[in-house]
Amino acid sequence: MQVTLEVLLRPVFAVAAVLYLALAVRTARTSMQRGTSVISFFLFLIGIFIAGTAFITGTTDPDIYGIGRTLGFFATGFMPVAFYVVYRDYTVGPPNPIVIAVLSVVLPRQQHWQ
């Protein structure tokens, strides 16, 4: 069962990453307004994060694993910033500082568990 799951997860993560990246491109091309470009950037970061997970899952090559970790760290480093901008643009005002602090700690910390 576990071997089947490991074989199945890598292509599922790869397809999900491609779909998120395609959605980011489509969102960016629909309108060149500031809010749309920020949402597109956020979707792009999610796609990169999932692509990094696809590289990490089930690999024994340390170089491929390093590529996946680098993609994951890059994406999780910028996700709180993109979330802050999206939240600020589509709500009444900036979020509570504790929300940004929690996101800044939780997202990079999850990389340790992979």
Protein backbone atom coordinates (compact mmCIF):
# COMPACT_ATOMS: atom_id res chain seq x y z
CA MET A 1 0.00 0.00 0.00
CA GLN A 2 2.75 2.47 0.95
CA VAL A 3 4.78 1.73 -2.19
CA THR A 4 1.73 2.34 -4.36
CA LEU A 5 1.09 5.62 -2.57
CA GLU A 6 4.68 6.78 -3.07
CA VAL A 7 4.53 5.95 -6.78
CA LEU A 8 1.22 7.76 -7.14
CA LEU A 9 2.01 10.91 -5.15
CA ARG A 10 4.85 12.25 -7.28
CA PRO A 11 2.82 12.56 -10.52
CA VAL A 12 -0.15 13.96 -8.59
CA PHE A 13 2.05 16.68 -7.08
CA ALA A 14 3.58 17.40 -10.50
CA VAL A 15 0.17 17.77 -12.16
CA ALA A 16 -1.09 19.97 -9.31
CA ALA A 17 1.99 22.20 -9.63
CA VAL A 18 1.49 22.58 -13.38
CA LEU A 19 -2.18 23.41 -12.86
CA TYR A 20 -1.38 26.07 -10.25
CA LEU A 21 1.28 27.60 -12.50
CA ALA A 22 -1.12 27.60 -15.45
CA LEU A 23 -3.77 29.24 -13.27
CA ALA A 24 -1.25 31.89 -12.24
CA VAL A 25 -0.44 32.66 -15.88
CA ARG A 26 -4.11 32.77 -16.84
CA THR A 27 -4.89 35.07 -13.92
CA ALA A 28 -2.04 37.40 -14.85
CA ARG A 29 -3.16 37.60 -18.48
CA THR A 30 -6.82 38.35 -17.76
CA SER A 31 -6.14 41.78 -16.33
CA MET A 32 -3.04 43.80 -15.61
CA GLN A 33 -4.47 45.42 -12.50
CA ARG A 34 -2.39 45.40 -9.34
CA GLY A 35 -4.70 43.08 -7.39
CA THR A 36 -4.75 40.49 -10.13
CA SER A 37 -0.98 40.44 -10.41
CA VAL A 38 -0.61 39.91 -6.66
CA ILE A 39 -3.06 37.01 -6.72
CA SER A 40 -1.20 35.61 -9.71
CA PHE A 41 2.08 35.85 -7.79
CA PHE A 42 0.49 34.07 -4.81
CA LEU A 43 -0.75 31.25 -7.07
CA PHE A 44 2.71 31.07 -8.63
CA LEU A 45 4.26 30.63 -5.17
CA ILE A 46 1.81 27.84 -4.36
CA GLY A 47 2.71 26.14 -7.65
CA ILE A 48 6.43 26.41 -6.87
CA PHE A 49 5.86 25.01 -3.38
CA ILE A 50 3.96 22.01 -4.77
CA ALA A 51 6.60 21.50 -7.47
CA GLY A 52 9.25 21.40 -4.75
CA THR A 53 7.19 18.77 -2.95
CA ALA A 54 7.04 16.74 -6.17
CA PHE A 55 10.84 16.83 -6.38
CA ILE A 56 11.24 15.80 -2.74
CA THR A 57 8.73 12.96 -2.68
CA GLY A 58 10.29 9.55 -3.12
CA THR A 59 13.70 10.66 -4.38
CA THR A 60 17.00 9.13 -3.39
CA ASP A 61 19.19 11.55 -5.36
CA PRO A 62 20.53 14.31 -3.08
CA ASP A 63 20.70 16.85 -5.95
CA ILE A 64 17.02 16.42 -6.84
CA TYR A 65 16.15 16.60 -3.14
CA GLY A 66 18.14 19.84 -2.85
CA ILE A 67 16.27 21.35 -5.80
CA GLY A 68 12.97 20.50 -4.16
CA ARG A 69 14.02 21.95 -0.82
CA THR A 70 15.24 25.15 -2.49
CA LEU A 71 11.93 25.60 -4.32
CA GLY A 72 10.03 25.00 -1.10
CA PHE A 73 12.10 27.45 0.93
CA PHE A 74 11.82 30.12 -1.77
CA ALA A 75 8.04 29.79 -1.94
CA THR A 76 7.47 29.72 1.81
CA GLY A 77 9.69 32.74 2.25
CA PHE A 78 7.53 34.92 0.02
CA MET A 79 4.08 33.51 0.84
CA PRO A 80 3.53 35.65 3.97
CA VAL A 81 4.40 38.80 2.01
CA ALA A 82 2.04 37.90 -0.84
CA PHE A 83 -0.69 36.94 1.63
CA TYR A 84 -0.29 40.29 3.40
CA VAL A 85 -0.68 42.23 0.16
CA VAL A 86 -3.71 40.19 -0.96
CA TYR A 87 -5.33 40.52 2.46
CA ARG A 88 -4.70 44.26 2.57
CA ASP A 89 -6.10 44.83 -0.93
CA TYR A 90 -9.28 42.79 -0.51
CA THR A 91 -10.29 43.62 3.06
CA VAL A 92 -10.86 46.81 5.03
CA GLY A 93 -7.26 47.22 6.12
CA PRO A 94 -4.07 45.44 7.04
CA PRO A 95 -4.38 42.24 9.04
CA ASN A 96 -3.57 41.92 12.68
CA PRO A 97 0.24 41.68 13.09
CA ILE A 98 -0.18 38.34 14.88
CA VAL A 99 -1.60 36.81 11.67
CA ILE A 100 1.51 37.75 9.72
CA ALA A 101 3.77 36.57 12.53
CA VAL A 102 2.03 33.18 12.65
CA LEU A 103 2.22 32.79 8.86
CA SER A 104 5.89 33.76 8.86
CA VAL A 105 6.65 31.05 11.40
CA VAL A 106 4.24 28.26 10.39
CA LEU A 107 4.96 28.11 6.65
CA PRO A 108 8.76 27.77 6.86
CA ARG A 109 8.45 25.45 9.85
CA GLN A 110 6.35 23.00 7.82
CA GLN A 111 9.34 22.49 5.52
CA HIS A 112 11.09 20.75 8.40
CA TRP A 113 8.38 18.06 8.54
CA GLN A 114 8.65 16.99 4.91
